[in-house]
Amino acid sequence: MRTCSVFIIILLVCTAIIAGCTVPSSSPSKPVVTSAQPAVQSATMAPNGIVKNVIIRQRAFDPDIITISPGTTVVWTNEDTMAHRVAHLPELPSERELFYSEALFTGDTFRYTFRTAGRYSYGDPQIAGGRKSLVIVE
């Protein structure tokens, strides 16, 4: 009787493992990304009407440093073959993170309107090496 119970338990465990390893018949073209990051602040148009474009290519931001006036919207466009994120990287512990994009696949864009003068470091947290770019608002 004990051998039969052990066999049934092993059979149930194997069935559960096999059922958990199956792949759905269709998969989305882009993976679903969830984030525990704070809400992203974005704008569809700059209050002052000025838009500055930054291109993401070869794991870098081009241009690397931009100077803009308050109220300008920066639009990042991913032209790289891999997905990237755009995240504000606060320099001081007292600063809070202002923006953090979802994964941007090739052709995707992210926009943020800078309203306050200052220096804002940003980058892709997925890229190692601590490469940072800079937005100067004056």
C-alpha atoms as a PDB file:
ATOM      1  CA  MET A   1       0.000   0.000   0.000  1.00  0.00           C
ATOM      2  CA  ARG A   2       2.838   2.378   0.875  1.00  0.00           C
ATOM      3  CA  THR A   3       4.560   1.743  -2.488  1.00  0.00           C
ATOM      4  CA  CYS A   4       1.321   2.602  -4.298  1.00  0.00           C
ATOM      5  CA  SER A   5       0.981   5.903  -2.382  1.00  0.00           C
ATOM      6  CA  VAL A   6       4.567   6.893  -3.196  1.00  0.00           C
ATOM      7  CA  PHE A   7       3.990   6.037  -6.861  1.00  0.00           C
ATOM      8  CA  ILE A   8       0.818   8.190  -6.972  1.00  0.00           C
ATOM      9  CA  ILE A   9       2.626  11.153  -5.343  1.00  0.00           C
ATOM     10  CA  ILE A  10       5.504  10.893  -7.820  1.00  0.00           C
ATOM     11  CA  LEU A  11       3.024  10.668 -10.704  1.00  0.00           C
ATOM     12  CA  LEU A  12       1.163  13.796  -9.490  1.00  0.00           C
ATOM     13  CA  VAL A  13       4.403  15.785  -9.054  1.00  0.00           C
ATOM     14  CA  CYS A  14       5.606  14.805 -12.545  1.00  0.00           C
ATOM     15  CA  THR A  15       2.244  15.763 -14.059  1.00  0.00           C
ATOM     16  CA  ALA A  16       2.361  19.168 -12.340  1.00  0.00           C
ATOM     17  CA  ILE A  17       5.894  19.801 -13.592  1.00  0.00           C
ATOM     18  CA  ILE A  18       4.992  18.844 -17.157  1.00  0.00           C
ATOM     19  CA  ALA A  19       1.848  21.006 -17.085  1.00  0.00           C
ATOM     20  CA  GLY A  20       3.875  23.988 -15.829  1.00  0.00           C
ATOM     21  CA  CYS A  21       6.413  23.647 -18.644  1.00  0.00           C
ATOM     22  CA  THR A  22       4.000  23.921 -21.554  1.00  0.00           C
ATOM     23  CA  VAL A  23       4.237  26.907 -23.887  1.00  0.00           C
ATOM     24  CA  PRO A  24       1.124  28.822 -24.989  1.00  0.00           C
ATOM     25  CA  SER A  25       0.253  28.337 -28.668  1.00  0.00           C
ATOM     26  CA  SER A  26       0.537  32.054 -29.445  1.00  0.00           C
ATOM     27  CA  SER A  27       2.845  34.645 -27.970  1.00  0.00           C
ATOM     28  CA  PRO A  28       2.638  38.444 -28.163  1.00  0.00           C
ATOM     29  CA  SER A  29       4.997  40.249 -30.539  1.00  0.00           C
ATOM     30  CA  LYS A  30       6.382  42.244 -27.622  1.00  0.00           C
ATOM     31  CA  PRO A  31       6.798  40.825 -24.120  1.00  0.00           C
ATOM     32  CA  VAL A  32       4.542  42.214 -21.452  1.00  0.00           C
ATOM     33  CA  VAL A  33       6.579  44.288 -19.026  1.00  0.00           C
ATOM     34  CA  THR A  34       5.380  45.181 -15.583  1.00  0.00           C
ATOM     35  CA  SER A  35       7.173  47.609 -13.363  1.00  0.00           C
ATOM     36  CA  ALA A  36       7.028  48.491  -9.706  1.00  0.00           C
ATOM     37  CA  GLN A  37       8.489  51.882 -10.575  1.00  0.00           C
ATOM     38  CA  PRO A  38       6.621  55.107  -9.803  1.00  0.00           C
ATOM     39  CA  ALA A  39       4.183  56.516 -12.328  1.00  0.00           C
ATOM     40  CA  VAL A  40       5.803  58.068 -15.373  1.00  0.00           C
ATOM     41  CA  GLN A  41       5.142  61.720 -16.043  1.00  0.00           C
ATOM     42  CA  SER A  42       4.937  62.450 -19.740  1.00  0.00           C
ATOM     43  CA  ALA A  43       3.451  65.054 -22.014  1.00  0.00           C
ATOM     44  CA  THR A  44       2.075  64.990 -25.532  1.00  0.00           C
ATOM     45  CA  MET A  45       3.224  68.531 -26.302  1.00  0.00           C
ATOM     46  CA  ALA A  46       5.695  70.904 -24.736  1.00  0.00           C
ATOM     47  CA  PRO A  47       4.073  73.899 -22.986  1.00  0.00           C
ATOM     48  CA  ASN A  48       6.524  76.213 -24.733  1.00  0.00           C
ATOM     49  CA  GLY A  49       6.125  74.310 -28.016  1.00  0.00           C
ATOM     50  CA  ILE A  50       9.761  73.202 -28.099  1.00  0.00           C
ATOM     51  CA  VAL A  51      10.635  69.549 -28.587  1.00  0.00           C
ATOM     52  CA  LYS A  52      14.184  68.168 -28.425  1.00  0.00           C
ATOM     53  CA  ASN A  53      14.858  64.713 -29.899  1.00  0.00           C
ATOM     54  CA  VAL A  54      17.370  62.200 -28.547  1.00  0.00           C
ATOM     55  CA  ILE A  55      18.118  58.992 -30.452  1.00  0.00           C
ATOM     56  CA  ILE A  56      19.072  55.744 -28.734  1.00  0.00           C
ATOM     57  CA  ARG A  57      21.507  53.768 -30.887  1.00  0.00           C
ATOM     58  CA  GLN A  58      24.394  51.405 -30.263  1.00  0.00           C
ATOM     59  CA  ARG A  59      23.607  51.366 -26.520  1.00  0.00           C
ATOM     60  CA  ALA A  60      24.089  55.159 -26.254  1.00  0.00           C
ATOM     61  CA  PHE A  61      22.059  58.384 -26.290  1.00  0.00           C
ATOM     62  CA  ASP A  62      22.695  60.841 -29.143  1.00  0.00           C
ATOM     63  CA  PRO A  63      23.285  63.628 -28.299  1.00  0.00           C
ATOM     64  CA  ASP A  64      24.773  62.679 -24.952  1.00  0.00           C
ATOM     65  CA  ILE A  65      24.296  66.142 -23.378  1.00  0.00           C
ATOM     66  CA  ILE A  66      21.523  68.573 -24.274  1.00  0.00           C
ATOM     67  CA  THR A  67      20.734  72.072 -23.026  1.00  0.00           C
ATOM     68  CA  ILE A  68      17.099  73.156 -23.118  1.00  0.00           C
ATOM     69  CA  SER A  69      14.802  75.803 -21.637  1.00  0.00           C
ATOM     70  CA  PRO A  70      12.128  75.052 -19.005  1.00  0.00           C
ATOM     71  CA  GLY A  71       8.952  73.655 -20.529  1.00  0.00           C
ATOM     72  CA  THR A  72      10.763  71.769 -23.291  1.00  0.00           C
ATOM     73  CA  THR A  73       9.729  68.203 -24.008  1.00  0.00           C
ATOM     74  CA  VAL A  74      12.505  65.714 -24.691  1.00  0.00           C
ATOM     75  CA  VAL A  75      11.531  62.786 -26.920  1.00  0.00           C
ATOM     76  CA  TRP A  76      13.741  59.695 -26.822  1.00  0.00           C
ATOM     77  CA  THR A  77      13.423  57.330 -29.814  1.00  0.00           C
ATOM     78  CA  ASN A  78      14.927  53.861 -29.743  1.00  0.00           C
ATOM     79  CA  GLU A  79      16.704  53.115 -33.031  1.00  0.00           C
ATOM     80  CA  ASP A  80      18.769  50.309 -31.491  1.00  0.00           C
ATOM     81  CA  THR A  81      18.120  46.622 -32.142  1.00  0.00           C
ATOM     82  CA  MET A  82      17.655  45.906 -28.425  1.00  0.00           C
ATOM     83  CA  ALA A  83      15.099  47.237 -25.949  1.00  0.00           C
ATOM     84  CA  HIS A  84      16.133  50.132 -23.712  1.00  0.00           C
ATOM     85  CA  ARG A  85      14.665  52.181 -20.865  1.00  0.00           C
ATOM     86  CA  VAL A  86      15.100  55.868 -20.098  1.00  0.00           C
ATOM     87  CA  ALA A  87      15.381  56.654 -16.397  1.00  0.00           C
ATOM     88  CA  HIS A  88      16.254  59.723 -14.382  1.00  0.00           C
ATOM     89  CA  LEU A  89      19.269  58.879 -12.218  1.00  0.00           C
ATOM     90  CA  PRO A  90      19.167  61.204  -9.184  1.00  0.00           C
ATOM     91  CA  GLU A  91      22.608  62.334  -8.016  1.00  0.00           C
ATOM     92  CA  LEU A  92      21.655  63.118  -4.402  1.00  0.00           C
ATOM     93  CA  PRO A  93      19.736  61.000  -1.875  1.00  0.00           C
ATOM     94  CA  SER A  94      17.339  63.923  -1.375  1.00  0.00           C
ATOM     95  CA  GLU A  95      16.301  63.893  -5.062  1.00  0.00           C
ATOM     96  CA  ARG A  96      13.414  61.777  -6.241  1.00  0.00           C
ATOM     97  CA  GLU A  97      13.249  59.893  -9.515  1.00  0.00           C
ATOM     98  CA  LEU A  98      11.301  62.030 -12.019  1.00  0.00           C
ATOM     99  CA  PHE A  99      10.813  59.625 -14.908  1.00  0.00           C
ATOM    100  CA  TYR A 100      11.257  55.970 -15.774  1.00  0.00           C
ATOM    101  CA  SER A 101      10.065  54.556 -19.090  1.00  0.00           C
ATOM    102  CA  GLU A 102       8.763  51.128 -19.853  1.00  0.00           C
ATOM    103  CA  ALA A 103      10.916  49.016 -22.168  1.00  0.00           C
ATOM    104  CA  LEU A 104      11.328  50.823 -25.491  1.00  0.00           C
ATOM    105  CA  PHE A 105      11.614  48.462 -28.426  1.00  0.00           C
ATOM    106  CA  THR A 106      12.943  49.521 -31.834  1.00  0.00           C
ATOM    107  CA  GLY A 107      10.868  52.489 -33.046  1.00  0.00           C
ATOM    108  CA  ASP A 108       9.250  53.192 -29.653  1.00  0.00           C
ATOM    109  CA  THR A 109       9.422  56.665 -28.092  1.00  0.00           C
ATOM    110  CA  PHE A 110       9.252  58.121 -24.598  1.00  0.00           C
ATOM    111  CA  ARG A 111       8.732  61.784 -23.763  1.00  0.00           C
ATOM    112  CA  TYR A 112       9.147  63.916 -20.677  1.00  0.00           C
ATOM    113  CA  THR A 113       8.637  67.656 -20.186  1.00  0.00           C
ATOM    114  CA  PHE A 114      11.285  69.388 -18.070  1.00  0.00           C
ATOM    115  CA  ARG A 115       9.643  72.268 -16.185  1.00  0.00           C
ATOM    116  CA  THR A 116      12.313  73.227 -13.639  1.00  0.00           C
ATOM    117  CA  ALA A 117      15.854  74.509 -14.197  1.00  0.00           C
ATOM    118  CA  GLY A 118      18.584  72.095 -13.157  1.00  0.00           C
ATOM    119  CA  ARG A 119      20.890  69.289 -14.250  1.00  0.00           C
ATOM    120  CA  TYR A 120      19.246  65.920 -14.789  1.00  0.00           C
ATOM    121  CA  SER A 121      21.360  62.799 -15.236  1.00  0.00           C
ATOM    122  CA  TYR A 122      19.648  59.924 -16.985  1.00  0.00           C
ATOM    123  CA  GLY A 123      20.487  56.610 -18.583  1.00  0.00           C
ATOM    124  CA  ASP A 124      19.385  53.059 -19.206  1.00  0.00           C
ATOM    125  CA  PRO A 125      19.584  51.115 -15.929  1.00  0.00           C
ATOM    126  CA  GLN A 126      19.961  47.872 -17.916  1.00  0.00           C
ATOM    127  CA  ILE A 127      23.291  48.985 -19.418  1.00  0.00           C
ATOM    128  CA  ALA A 128      26.219  48.155 -17.182  1.00  0.00           C
ATOM    129  CA  GLY A 129      29.092  50.527 -16.617  1.00  0.00           C
ATOM    130  CA  GLY A 130      27.107  53.444 -15.255  1.00  0.00           C
ATOM    131  CA  ARG A 131      26.987  55.349 -18.549  1.00  0.00           C
ATOM    132  CA  LYS A 132      25.007  58.530 -17.907  1.00  0.00           C
ATOM    133  CA  SER A 133      23.721  61.262 -20.180  1.00  0.00           C
ATOM    134  CA  LEU A 134      22.661  64.748 -19.134  1.00  0.00           C
ATOM    135  CA  VAL A 135      19.829  67.215 -19.674  1.00  0.00           C
ATOM    136  CA  ILE A 136      20.671  70.782 -18.608  1.00  0.00           C
ATOM    137  CA  VAL A 137      17.617  73.000 -18.154  1.00  0.00           C
ATOM    138  CA  GLU A 138      18.411  76.728 -17.978  1.00  0.00           C
END
